[in-house]
N, C-alpha and C. Protein backbone atom coordinates (compact mmCIF):
# COMPACT_ATOMS: atom_id res chain seq x y z
N UNK A 1 126.19 146.09 95.96
CA UNK A 1 126.24 144.86 95.22
C UNK A 1 126.19 143.81 96.30
N UNK A 2 127.31 144.22 97.48
CA UNK A 2 127.27 142.91 98.66
C UNK A 2 125.99 142.98 99.55
N UNK A 3 125.34 144.02 99.43
CA UNK A 3 123.82 144.14 100.26
C UNK A 3 123.07 143.27 99.51
N UNK A 4 122.90 143.25 98.16
CA UNK A 4 122.07 142.46 97.18
C UNK A 4 122.23 140.96 97.53
N UNK A 5 123.48 140.62 97.31
CA UNK A 5 124.04 139.10 97.48
C UNK A 5 123.86 138.83 99.04
N UNK A 6 123.85 139.44 99.98
CA UNK A 6 123.45 139.10 101.28
C UNK A 6 121.79 139.07 101.52
N UNK A 7 121.24 139.84 100.78
CA UNK A 7 119.96 139.58 100.94
C UNK A 7 119.28 138.22 100.02
N UNK A 8 120.00 138.15 99.03
CA UNK A 8 119.77 136.90 98.33
C UNK A 8 120.19 135.64 99.02
N UNK A 9 120.93 135.20 99.69
CA UNK A 9 121.59 134.60 100.41
C UNK A 9 120.82 134.47 101.61
N UNK A 10 120.15 135.32 102.47
CA UNK A 10 119.36 135.14 103.36
C UNK A 10 117.98 134.78 103.06
N UNK A 11 117.60 134.91 101.68
CA UNK A 11 116.05 134.57 101.13
C UNK A 11 116.11 133.28 100.99
N UNK A 12 117.25 132.64 100.30
CA UNK A 12 117.57 131.28 100.17
C UNK A 12 117.71 130.45 101.62
N UNK A 13 118.10 131.19 102.58
CA UNK A 13 118.24 130.46 103.70
C UNK A 13 117.12 130.36 104.53
N UNK A 14 116.22 131.15 104.67
CA UNK A 14 114.93 131.34 104.85
C UNK A 14 113.99 130.48 104.29
N UNK A 15 114.12 130.49 103.10
CA UNK A 15 113.53 129.60 102.36
C UNK A 15 113.37 128.09 102.80
N UNK A 16 114.89 127.88 102.90
CA UNK A 16 115.28 126.46 103.24
C UNK A 16 114.81 126.14 104.44
N UNK A 17 115.11 126.97 105.40
CA UNK A 17 114.24 126.56 106.64
C UNK A 17 113.20 126.43 106.72
N UNK A 18 112.07 127.21 106.14
CA UNK A 18 110.79 126.94 106.13
C UNK A 18 110.33 125.82 105.49
N UNK A 19 110.88 125.21 104.25
CA UNK A 19 110.81 124.13 103.65
C UNK A 19 111.06 122.77 104.57
N UNK A 20 112.42 123.00 105.14
CA UNK A 20 112.59 121.88 106.13
C UNK A 20 111.99 121.66 107.28
N UNK A 21 111.49 122.98 107.67
CA UNK A 21 110.39 122.47 109.02
C UNK A 21 109.19 122.14 108.60
N UNK A 22 108.76 122.22 107.33
CA UNK A 22 107.48 121.78 106.76
C UNK A 22 107.87 120.11 106.49
N UNK A 23 109.04 119.76 106.27
CA UNK A 23 109.20 118.35 105.85
C UNK A 23 109.36 117.61 107.35
N UNK A 24 109.98 118.26 108.21
CA UNK A 24 110.08 117.71 109.69
C UNK A 24 108.65 117.46 109.90
N UNK A 25 107.82 118.22 110.03
CA UNK A 25 106.59 118.26 110.44
C UNK A 25 105.56 117.14 109.91
N UNK A 26 105.74 117.08 108.38
CA UNK A 26 105.29 115.85 107.87
C UNK A 26 105.70 114.69 108.23
N UNK A 27 107.00 114.36 108.19
CA UNK A 27 107.58 113.32 108.73
C UNK A 27 107.29 112.68 110.14
N UNK A 28 106.98 113.70 111.08
CA UNK A 28 106.47 113.54 112.09
C UNK A 28 104.99 113.42 112.58
N UNK A 29 104.24 113.64 111.30
CA UNK A 29 102.77 113.54 111.44
C UNK A 29 102.54 112.18 110.89
N UNK A 30 103.50 111.72 109.96
CA UNK A 30 103.40 110.24 109.26
C UNK A 30 103.72 109.17 110.13
N UNK A 31 104.63 109.74 110.89
CA UNK A 31 105.32 108.43 111.85
C UNK A 31 104.29 108.41 113.11
N UNK A 32 103.92 109.68 113.91
CA UNK A 32 103.23 109.59 114.87
C UNK A 32 101.70 109.87 114.66
N UNK A 33 101.32 110.21 113.55
CA UNK A 33 99.80 110.65 113.66
C UNK A 33 99.22 111.81 114.02
N UNK A 34 100.27 112.39 114.68
CA UNK A 34 99.63 113.55 115.28
C UNK A 34 99.84 114.85 114.75
N UNK A 35 98.94 115.70 114.80
CA UNK A 35 97.85 116.00 115.03
C UNK A 35 96.59 114.96 113.84
N UNK A 36 95.63 114.56 114.13
CA UNK A 36 94.89 113.66 113.56
C UNK A 36 93.46 115.17 113.13
N UNK A 37 93.74 115.29 111.97
CA UNK A 37 92.79 116.64 111.87
C UNK A 37 91.36 116.22 111.63
N UNK A 38 90.47 116.69 112.80
CA UNK A 38 89.26 116.29 112.36
C UNK A 38 88.81 114.73 112.60
N UNK A 39 89.54 114.09 113.11
CA UNK A 39 89.11 112.90 113.07
C UNK A 39 89.13 112.11 112.26
N UNK A 40 88.12 110.76 112.30
CA UNK A 40 88.34 109.70 110.93
C UNK A 40 87.33 110.40 109.89
N UNK A 41 87.36 111.00 108.97
CA UNK A 41 86.63 111.52 107.85
C UNK A 41 86.54 110.41 106.61
N UNK A 42 87.39 109.45 106.38
CA UNK A 42 86.72 108.38 105.52
C UNK A 42 87.83 107.17 105.75
N UNK A 43 86.83 105.92 105.09
CA UNK A 43 87.53 104.97 105.28
C UNK A 43 87.84 104.04 104.51
N UNK A 44 88.82 103.03 104.10
CA UNK A 44 88.75 102.08 103.06
C UNK A 44 89.07 100.64 103.82
N UNK A 45 88.13 99.90 103.02
CA UNK A 45 88.30 98.54 103.26
C UNK A 45 89.29 97.88 102.65
N UNK A 46 90.43 97.30 103.24
CA UNK A 46 91.48 96.76 102.52
C UNK A 46 91.18 95.05 102.91
N UNK A 47 91.23 94.10 102.06
CA UNK A 47 91.16 92.93 101.73
C UNK A 47 90.58 92.14 100.45
N UNK A 48 90.56 90.89 100.37
CA UNK A 48 90.29 90.10 98.99
C UNK A 48 88.66 90.72 99.08
N UNK A 49 88.59 90.12 97.61
CA UNK A 49 86.92 90.53 97.09
C UNK A 49 86.51 88.96 96.76
N UNK A 50 87.55 87.76 96.87
CA UNK A 50 86.72 86.61 96.51
C UNK A 50 87.76 85.50 97.78
N UNK A 51 86.30 84.70 98.03
CA UNK A 51 87.03 83.70 98.91
C UNK A 51 86.20 82.33 98.49
N UNK A 52 86.71 81.14 99.21
CA UNK A 52 86.21 79.92 99.06
C UNK A 52 85.32 79.80 100.14
N UNK A 53 84.34 78.84 100.27
CA UNK A 53 83.73 78.23 100.82
C UNK A 53 84.38 77.82 102.08
N UNK A 54 84.23 78.12 103.47
CA UNK A 54 85.04 77.70 104.48
C UNK A 54 86.11 78.69 104.79
N UNK A 55 86.63 79.25 103.90
CA UNK A 55 87.86 80.05 104.08
C UNK A 55 87.72 81.49 104.80
N UNK A 56 88.53 82.02 105.81
CA UNK A 56 88.67 82.80 106.71
C UNK A 56 89.53 83.77 106.04
N UNK A 57 89.15 85.00 105.93
CA UNK A 57 90.18 86.22 105.67
C UNK A 57 90.10 87.34 106.37
N UNK A 58 91.08 88.20 106.61
CA UNK A 58 90.98 89.35 107.42
C UNK A 58 90.93 90.79 106.54
N UNK A 59 89.85 91.29 106.74
CA UNK A 59 89.51 92.93 106.15
C UNK A 59 89.94 93.81 107.30
N UNK A 60 90.68 94.59 106.70
CA UNK A 60 91.16 95.85 107.37
C UNK A 60 90.71 97.17 107.22
N UNK A 61 90.20 97.95 108.19
CA UNK A 61 89.68 99.40 107.93
C UNK A 61 91.13 100.36 108.10
N UNK A 62 91.23 101.23 106.76
CA UNK A 62 92.14 102.52 106.93
C UNK A 62 91.38 103.70 106.91
N UNK A 63 91.68 104.25 108.03
CA UNK A 63 91.28 105.51 108.21
C UNK A 63 91.88 106.79 107.46
N UNK A 64 91.24 107.73 107.09
CA UNK A 64 91.80 109.12 106.95
C UNK A 64 91.26 110.06 107.32
N UNK A 65 92.15 111.46 107.66
CA UNK A 65 91.39 112.41 108.22
C UNK A 65 91.11 113.68 107.39
N UNK A 66 90.71 114.58 107.61
CA UNK A 66 89.93 115.72 106.79
C UNK A 66 91.11 116.07 105.72
N UNK A 67 92.46 115.77 106.06
CA UNK A 67 93.21 116.23 105.11
C UNK A 67 93.52 115.03 104.42
N UNK A 68 93.11 114.00 104.27
CA UNK A 68 93.44 112.97 103.56
C UNK A 68 94.75 112.10 103.95
N UNK A 69 95.27 112.32 104.87
CA UNK A 69 96.30 111.89 105.61
C UNK A 69 95.81 110.31 106.22
N UNK A 70 96.62 109.52 106.10
CA UNK A 70 96.48 108.42 106.80
C UNK A 70 96.66 108.52 108.41
N UNK A 71 95.39 107.73 108.96
CA UNK A 71 95.64 107.52 110.55
C UNK A 71 96.48 106.52 110.97
N UNK A 72 97.68 106.74 111.74
CA UNK A 72 98.53 105.69 111.99
C UNK A 72 98.48 105.57 113.41
N UNK A 73 97.87 106.35 114.06
CA UNK A 73 97.92 106.05 115.57
C UNK A 73 96.62 104.90 115.96
N UNK A 74 97.43 103.72 116.58
CA UNK A 74 96.48 102.77 117.19
C UNK A 74 95.46 102.99 117.91
N UNK A 75 93.95 102.53 117.50
CA UNK A 75 93.03 102.77 118.47
C UNK A 75 91.96 103.94 117.87
N UNK A 76 92.64 104.50 116.93
CA UNK A 76 91.57 105.82 116.57
C UNK A 76 90.76 105.09 115.67
N UNK A 77 91.15 104.41 114.62
CA UNK A 77 90.28 103.67 113.67
C UNK A 77 89.17 102.31 114.12
N UNK A 78 88.16 102.64 114.61
CA UNK A 78 87.62 101.33 115.30
C UNK A 78 86.01 101.40 114.41
N UNK A 79 85.84 101.14 113.14
CA UNK A 79 84.43 101.36 112.96
C UNK A 79 83.78 100.09 113.19
N UNK A 80 82.42 100.16 112.90
CA UNK A 80 81.33 98.87 113.08
C UNK A 80 81.30 98.37 111.92
N UNK A 81 81.01 97.09 111.93
CA UNK A 81 81.43 96.19 110.81
C UNK A 81 79.94 95.47 110.68
N UNK A 82 79.51 95.40 109.41
CA UNK A 82 78.13 94.43 109.30
C UNK A 82 78.37 93.95 107.81
N UNK A 83 77.56 92.68 107.70
CA UNK A 83 77.31 92.15 106.62
C UNK A 83 75.86 91.87 106.22
N UNK A 84 75.62 92.16 105.06
CA UNK A 84 74.18 92.30 104.47
C UNK A 84 73.75 90.87 104.28
N UNK A 85 74.33 89.94 104.33
CA UNK A 85 73.85 88.57 103.99
C UNK A 85 74.50 87.58 104.87
N UNK A 86 74.14 87.23 106.25
CA UNK A 86 74.65 86.55 106.92
C UNK A 86 74.58 84.93 106.77
N UNK A 87 73.93 84.68 105.45
CA UNK A 87 73.66 83.30 105.07
C UNK A 87 75.07 83.18 104.13
N UNK A 88 75.48 84.25 103.38
CA UNK A 88 76.75 84.15 102.84
C UNK A 88 77.92 84.15 103.45
N UNK A 89 78.35 84.62 104.18
CA UNK A 89 79.43 85.03 105.22
C UNK A 89 79.14 85.37 106.39
N UNK A 90 80.03 85.35 107.38
CA UNK A 90 79.92 85.74 108.90
C UNK A 90 81.03 86.95 109.39
N UNK A 91 81.24 87.74 110.14
CA UNK A 91 82.35 88.41 110.82
C UNK A 91 82.46 87.54 112.06
N UNK A 92 83.59 87.43 112.56
CA UNK A 92 83.79 87.55 113.87
C UNK A 92 83.47 88.30 115.01
N UNK A 93 83.58 89.70 114.56
CA UNK A 93 82.97 90.58 115.76
C UNK A 93 82.47 91.60 114.77
N UNK A 94 82.00 92.88 115.53
CA UNK A 94 81.31 93.88 114.98
C UNK A 94 82.03 95.21 114.94
N UNK A 95 83.26 95.28 115.98
CA UNK A 95 83.83 96.50 116.06
C UNK A 95 85.02 96.18 116.30
N UNK A 96 86.11 97.16 115.48
CA UNK A 96 87.41 97.07 115.62
C UNK A 96 88.14 97.44 114.41
N UNK A 97 89.48 97.77 114.33
CA UNK A 97 90.19 98.04 113.00
C UNK A 97 90.39 97.06 111.97
N UNK A 98 90.21 95.88 112.38
CA UNK A 98 90.16 94.42 111.40
C UNK A 98 89.15 93.45 111.86
N UNK A 99 88.39 92.65 110.95
CA UNK A 99 87.87 91.67 111.56
C UNK A 99 88.03 90.60 110.39
N UNK A 100 87.75 89.54 111.28
CA UNK A 100 87.89 88.26 110.09
C UNK A 100 86.60 87.94 109.42
N UNK A 101 86.38 87.48 108.07
CA UNK A 101 85.22 87.25 107.50
C UNK A 101 85.57 85.81 107.02
N UNK A 102 84.62 84.95 107.29
CA UNK A 102 84.28 83.59 106.93
C UNK A 102 83.14 83.24 105.88
N UNK A 103 83.51 82.60 104.46
CA UNK A 103 82.81 82.47 103.55
C UNK A 103 81.74 80.92 104.06
N UNK A 104 80.71 81.51 104.08
CA UNK A 104 79.46 80.28 104.32
C UNK A 104 78.98 79.19 103.23
N UNK A 105 78.31 79.94 102.36
CA UNK A 105 77.64 79.43 101.32
C UNK A 105 77.80 80.24 100.28
N UNK A 106 78.12 79.86 98.89
CA UNK A 106 78.31 80.72 97.77
C UNK A 106 77.25 81.62 97.24
N UNK A 107 78.01 82.76 96.96
CA UNK A 107 77.01 84.17 96.70
C UNK A 107 77.65 85.29 96.75
N UNK A 108 77.23 86.51 97.02
CA UNK A 108 77.83 87.88 96.82
C UNK A 108 77.19 88.42 98.26
N UNK A 109 78.07 89.04 99.33
CA UNK A 109 77.77 89.79 100.23
C UNK A 109 78.29 91.04 100.20
N UNK A 110 77.89 92.03 100.99
CA UNK A 110 78.37 93.20 101.07
C UNK A 110 78.81 93.51 102.53
N UNK A 111 80.00 93.98 102.65
CA UNK A 111 80.49 94.42 104.13
C UNK A 111 80.85 95.85 104.10
N UNK A 112 80.04 96.48 105.25
CA UNK A 112 80.26 97.90 105.51
C UNK A 112 81.17 98.07 106.85
N UNK A 113 81.76 99.11 106.77
CA UNK A 113 82.52 99.56 107.83
C UNK A 113 82.31 101.20 108.14
N UNK A 114 81.77 101.29 109.23
CA UNK A 114 81.02 102.88 109.66
C UNK A 114 81.75 103.21 110.87
N UNK A 115 82.04 104.34 110.94
CA UNK A 115 82.71 105.04 111.98
C UNK A 115 82.34 106.47 111.87
N UNK A 116 81.20 106.87 112.67
CA UNK A 116 80.73 108.41 112.59
C UNK A 116 79.97 108.74 111.20
N UNK A 117 80.40 109.57 110.58
CA UNK A 117 80.06 109.88 108.99
C UNK A 117 80.90 109.21 108.16
N UNK A 118 82.01 108.33 108.19
CA UNK A 118 82.85 107.76 107.67
C UNK A 118 82.36 106.69 107.42
N UNK A 119 82.23 106.01 105.59
CA UNK A 119 81.37 104.79 105.53
C UNK A 119 82.28 104.19 104.46
N UNK A 120 82.39 102.88 104.36
CA UNK A 120 83.07 102.16 103.26
C UNK A 120 82.26 100.94 103.09
N UNK A 121 82.32 100.45 102.05
CA UNK A 121 81.52 99.13 101.69
C UNK A 121 82.24 98.46 100.52
N UNK A 122 82.37 97.03 101.04
CA UNK A 122 83.26 96.21 99.83
C UNK A 122 82.11 94.96 99.53
N UNK A 123 82.33 94.52 98.54
CA UNK A 123 81.81 93.22 97.89
C UNK A 123 82.62 92.08 98.01
N UNK A 124 82.20 91.02 98.67
CA UNK A 124 82.88 89.75 98.65
C UNK A 124 82.08 88.49 98.00
N UNK A 125 83.10 87.83 96.78
CA UNK A 125 82.23 87.08 96.30
C UNK A 125 82.78 85.45 96.89
N UNK A 126 82.00 84.75 97.57
CA UNK A 126 82.14 83.60 98.02
C UNK A 126 81.68 82.45 96.86
N UNK A 127 83.07 81.53 96.88
CA UNK A 127 82.64 80.42 95.81
C UNK A 127 82.79 79.28 96.38
């Protein structure tokens, strides 16, 4: 009987140890971002979808790795940005984690962020 209880307690202890180590590894990955599995695999553009003529807003690229974990290490997510209609709006730069968009004339334009095979696109309406 004692042997079975000891085996059961040992099983619980080992299980708790494994779960604890996995939790600590995930916390370390979230705070340090290490390792980034396979580089930037997908990007999401964060920012407003409507601006007024003359208004400047910031658009930010959020990168995710192959396991869909958010990449938090500074300098890894640096997509190339482009705007499809420069008459409607302009970007302050073409590369970096974030860009500033300024609405020039009323209309709709599409902003793209591309880093390797990771691509994202968003529409911005200028009123």
